[in-house]
C-alpha atoms as a PDB file:
ATOM      1  CA  MET A   1     160.247 -35.983 109.431  1.00  0.00           C
ATOM      2  CA  SER A   2     161.759 -33.108 111.399  1.00  0.00           C
ATOM      3  CA  GLY A   3     160.281 -30.622 108.906  1.00  0.00           C
ATOM      4  CA  ASN A   4     156.777 -31.772 109.832  1.00  0.00           C
ATOM      5  CA  LEU A   5     157.621 -31.474 113.510  1.00  0.00           C
ATOM      6  CA  ASP A   6     158.904 -27.927 112.995  1.00  0.00           C
ATOM      7  CA  ILE A   7     155.685 -26.918 111.225  1.00  0.00           C
ATOM      8  CA  HIS A   8     153.596 -28.477 114.003  1.00  0.00           C
ATOM      9  CA  VAL A   9     155.576 -26.694 116.736  1.00  0.00           C
ATOM     10  CA  GLN A  10     155.365 -23.365 114.911  1.00  0.00           C
ATOM     11  CA  LYS A  11     151.605 -23.823 114.493  1.00  0.00           C
ATOM     12  CA  ASN A  12     151.255 -24.461 118.236  1.00  0.00           C
ATOM     13  CA  GLU A  13     153.188 -21.282 118.940  1.00  0.00           C
ATOM     14  CA  VAL A  14     150.894 -19.120 116.824  1.00  0.00           C
ATOM     15  CA  GLU A  15     147.452 -20.475 117.792  1.00  0.00           C
ATOM     16  CA  PRO A  16     147.223 -19.064 121.334  1.00  0.00           C
ATOM     17  CA  LEU A  17     148.463 -15.693 120.156  1.00  0.00           C
ATOM     18  CA  LEU A  18     145.811 -15.635 117.432  1.00  0.00           C
ATOM     19  CA  PHE A  19     143.154 -16.602 120.004  1.00  0.00           C
ATOM     20  CA  LEU A  20     144.167 -13.747 122.296  1.00  0.00           C
ATOM     21  CA  THR A  21     144.361 -11.281 119.395  1.00  0.00           C
ATOM     22  CA  GLY A  22     140.911 -12.311 118.160  1.00  0.00           C
ATOM     23  CA  LEU A  23     139.455 -11.963 121.632  1.00  0.00           C
ATOM     24  CA  LEU A  24     141.082  -8.545 121.972  1.00  0.00           C
ATOM     25  CA  LEU A  25     139.593  -7.373 118.677  1.00  0.00           C
ATOM     26  CA  ILE A  26     136.123  -8.738 119.463  1.00  0.00           C
ATOM     27  CA  ILE A  27     135.575  -7.532 123.039  1.00  0.00           C
ATOM     28  CA  GLY A  28     138.162  -4.778 123.342  1.00  0.00           C
ATOM     29  CA  PRO A  29     141.160  -4.325 125.605  1.00  0.00           C
ATOM     30  CA  ARG A  30     139.317  -3.104 128.728  1.00  0.00           C
ATOM     31  CA  LYS A  31     136.803  -5.968 128.799  1.00  0.00           C
ATOM     32  CA  MET A  32     139.489  -8.514 127.946  1.00  0.00           C
ATOM     33  CA  PHE A  33     141.694  -7.306 130.779  1.00  0.00           C
ATOM     34  CA  SER A  34     138.796  -7.289 133.238  1.00  0.00           C
ATOM     35  CA  PHE A  35     137.783 -10.821 132.163  1.00  0.00           C
ATOM     36  CA  PHE A  36     141.221 -12.389 132.481  1.00  0.00           C
ATOM     37  CA  PHE A  37     142.222 -10.636 135.686  1.00  0.00           C
ATOM     38  CA  GLN A  38     139.160 -11.178 137.845  1.00  0.00           C
ATOM     39  CA  ARG A  39     140.182 -12.441 141.262  1.00  0.00           C
ATOM     40  CA  HIS A  40     138.542 -15.865 140.874  1.00  0.00           C
ATOM     41  CA  LYS A  41     140.028 -16.360 137.386  1.00  0.00           C
ATOM     42  CA  LEU A  42     143.658 -15.554 138.171  1.00  0.00           C
ATOM     43  CA  LYS A  43     144.587 -19.239 138.479  1.00  0.00           C
ATOM     44  CA  GLY A  44     143.216 -20.035 135.003  1.00  0.00           C
ATOM     45  CA  THR A  45     144.789 -16.912 133.538  1.00  0.00           C
ATOM     46  CA  SER A  46     148.197 -17.724 134.967  1.00  0.00           C
ATOM     47  CA  PHE A  47     148.058 -21.292 133.662  1.00  0.00           C
ATOM     48  CA  PHE A  48     146.897 -20.157 130.202  1.00  0.00           C
ATOM     49  CA  LEU A  49     149.443 -17.364 129.803  1.00  0.00           C
ATOM     50  CA  GLY A  50     152.144 -19.503 131.405  1.00  0.00           C
ATOM     51  CA  GLY A  51     151.366 -22.219 128.872  1.00  0.00           C
ATOM     52  CA  VAL A  52     151.717 -19.708 126.047  1.00  0.00           C
ATOM     53  CA  ALA A  53     155.105 -18.679 127.421  1.00  0.00           C
ATOM     54  CA  ILE A  54     156.226 -22.309 127.782  1.00  0.00           C
ATOM     55  CA  VAL A  55     155.222 -23.047 124.167  1.00  0.00           C
ATOM     56  CA  LEU A  56     157.200 -20.007 123.006  1.00  0.00           C
ATOM     57  CA  LEU A  57     160.183 -21.335 124.977  1.00  0.00           C
ATOM     58  CA  ARG A  58     160.024 -24.530 122.835  1.00  0.00           C
ATOM     59  CA  TRP A  59     158.317 -26.897 125.292  1.00  0.00           C
ATOM     60  CA  PRO A  60     155.137 -27.449 123.248  1.00  0.00           C
ATOM     61  CA  LEU A  61     153.647 -30.487 124.999  1.00  0.00           C
ATOM     62  CA  LEU A  62     153.921 -29.056 128.510  1.00  0.00           C
ATOM     63  CA  GLY A  63     152.769 -25.650 127.272  1.00  0.00           C
ATOM     64  CA  MET A  64     149.703 -27.078 125.534  1.00  0.00           C
ATOM     65  CA  LEU A  65     148.734 -29.016 128.679  1.00  0.00           C
ATOM     66  CA  LEU A  66     149.047 -25.863 130.784  1.00  0.00           C
ATOM     67  CA  GLU A  67     147.054 -23.875 128.223  1.00  0.00           C
ATOM     68  CA  ALA A  68     144.316 -26.507 128.135  1.00  0.00           C
ATOM     69  CA  TYR A  69     143.986 -26.513 131.929  1.00  0.00           C
ATOM     70  CA  GLY A  70     143.931 -22.711 131.978  1.00  0.00           C
ATOM     71  CA  PHE A  71     141.361 -22.571 129.176  1.00  0.00           C
ATOM     72  CA  LEU A  72     139.060 -25.035 130.948  1.00  0.00           C
ATOM     73  CA  SER A  73     139.477 -23.137 134.202  1.00  0.00           C
ATOM     74  CA  LEU A  74     138.754 -19.778 132.580  1.00  0.00           C
ATOM     75  CA  PHE A  75     135.740 -20.812 130.517  1.00  0.00           C
ATOM     76  CA  LYS A  76     134.137 -23.439 132.774  1.00  0.00           C
ATOM     77  CA  GLY A  77     131.197 -21.117 133.378  1.00  0.00           C
ATOM     78  CA  PHE A  78     130.366 -21.077 129.666  1.00  0.00           C
ATOM     79  CA  PHE A  79     130.197 -24.845 129.198  1.00  0.00           C
ATOM     80  CA  PRO A  80     126.698 -25.322 130.703  1.00  0.00           C
ATOM     81  CA  VAL A  81     125.373 -22.584 128.425  1.00  0.00           C
ATOM     82  CA  VAL A  82     126.965 -24.182 125.354  1.00  0.00           C
ATOM     83  CA  PHE A  83     125.715 -27.657 126.268  1.00  0.00           C
ATOM     84  CA  GLY A  84     122.232 -26.287 126.910  1.00  0.00           C
ATOM     85  CA  PHE A  85     122.228 -24.602 123.522  1.00  0.00           C
ATOM     86  CA  LEU A  86     123.481 -27.730 121.779  1.00  0.00           C
ATOM     87  CA  SER A  87     120.933 -29.925 123.535  1.00  0.00           C
ATOM     88  CA  ASN A  88     118.178 -27.747 122.076  1.00  0.00           C
ATOM     89  CA  ALA A  89     119.631 -28.195 118.590  1.00  0.00           C
ATOM     90  CA  SER A  90     117.358 -31.104 117.731  1.00  0.00           C
ATOM     91  CA  ASP A  91     117.913 -30.571 114.011  1.00  0.00           C
ATOM     92  CA  ILE A  92     121.360 -32.141 114.276  1.00  0.00           C
ATOM     93  CA  PRO A  93     120.782 -35.918 114.507  1.00  0.00           C
ATOM     94  CA  PHE A  94     124.086 -36.900 116.112  1.00  0.00           C
ATOM     95  CA  LEU A  95     123.891 -34.215 118.802  1.00  0.00           C
ATOM     96  CA  SER A  96     120.262 -34.896 119.697  1.00  0.00           C
ATOM     97  CA  THR A  97     120.990 -38.630 120.094  1.00  0.00           C
ATOM     98  CA  LEU A  98     124.087 -37.935 122.172  1.00  0.00           C
ATOM     99  CA  PHE A  99     122.314 -35.524 124.519  1.00  0.00           C
ATOM    100  CA  ARG A 100     119.314 -37.854 124.909  1.00  0.00           C
ATOM    101  CA  ARG A 101     121.718 -40.559 126.052  1.00  0.00           C
ATOM    102  CA  LEU A 102     123.512 -38.171 128.409  1.00  0.00           C
ATOM    103  CA  GLN A 103     120.230 -36.967 129.898  1.00  0.00           C
ATOM    104  CA  GLY A 104     119.157 -40.552 130.542  1.00  0.00           C
ATOM    105  CA  THR A 105     122.345 -41.371 132.478  1.00  0.00           C
ATOM    106  CA  SER A 106     122.517 -38.245 134.632  1.00  0.00           C
ATOM    107  CA  SER A 107     120.738 -38.150 137.962  1.00  0.00           C
ATOM    108  CA  MET A 108     119.275 -35.021 139.468  1.00  0.00           C
ATOM    109  CA  VAL A 109     119.950 -34.918 143.210  1.00  0.00           C
END
């Protein structure tokens, strides 16, 4: 049982580092630095990087919660774009049904 827990904890330690490395390789160091350290994104950046540090210090649950909050805070501007793209994907039956239901319940004020 503890062997499975060790593997799970080690996996949680590596995932954020792989995410940051992938982002670095895709957009480059200058753009990555300017994205993460914009004045209005410093709160999300500090929570995300603090969560990575907490996971590396062997507090995986707290670290993952901090990372999740930081991730949502950093990328909240992208979510409307993603949802708009997915709502136009009418070829995917489950998604089109889900977004039709969501559009029916939302009110435009």
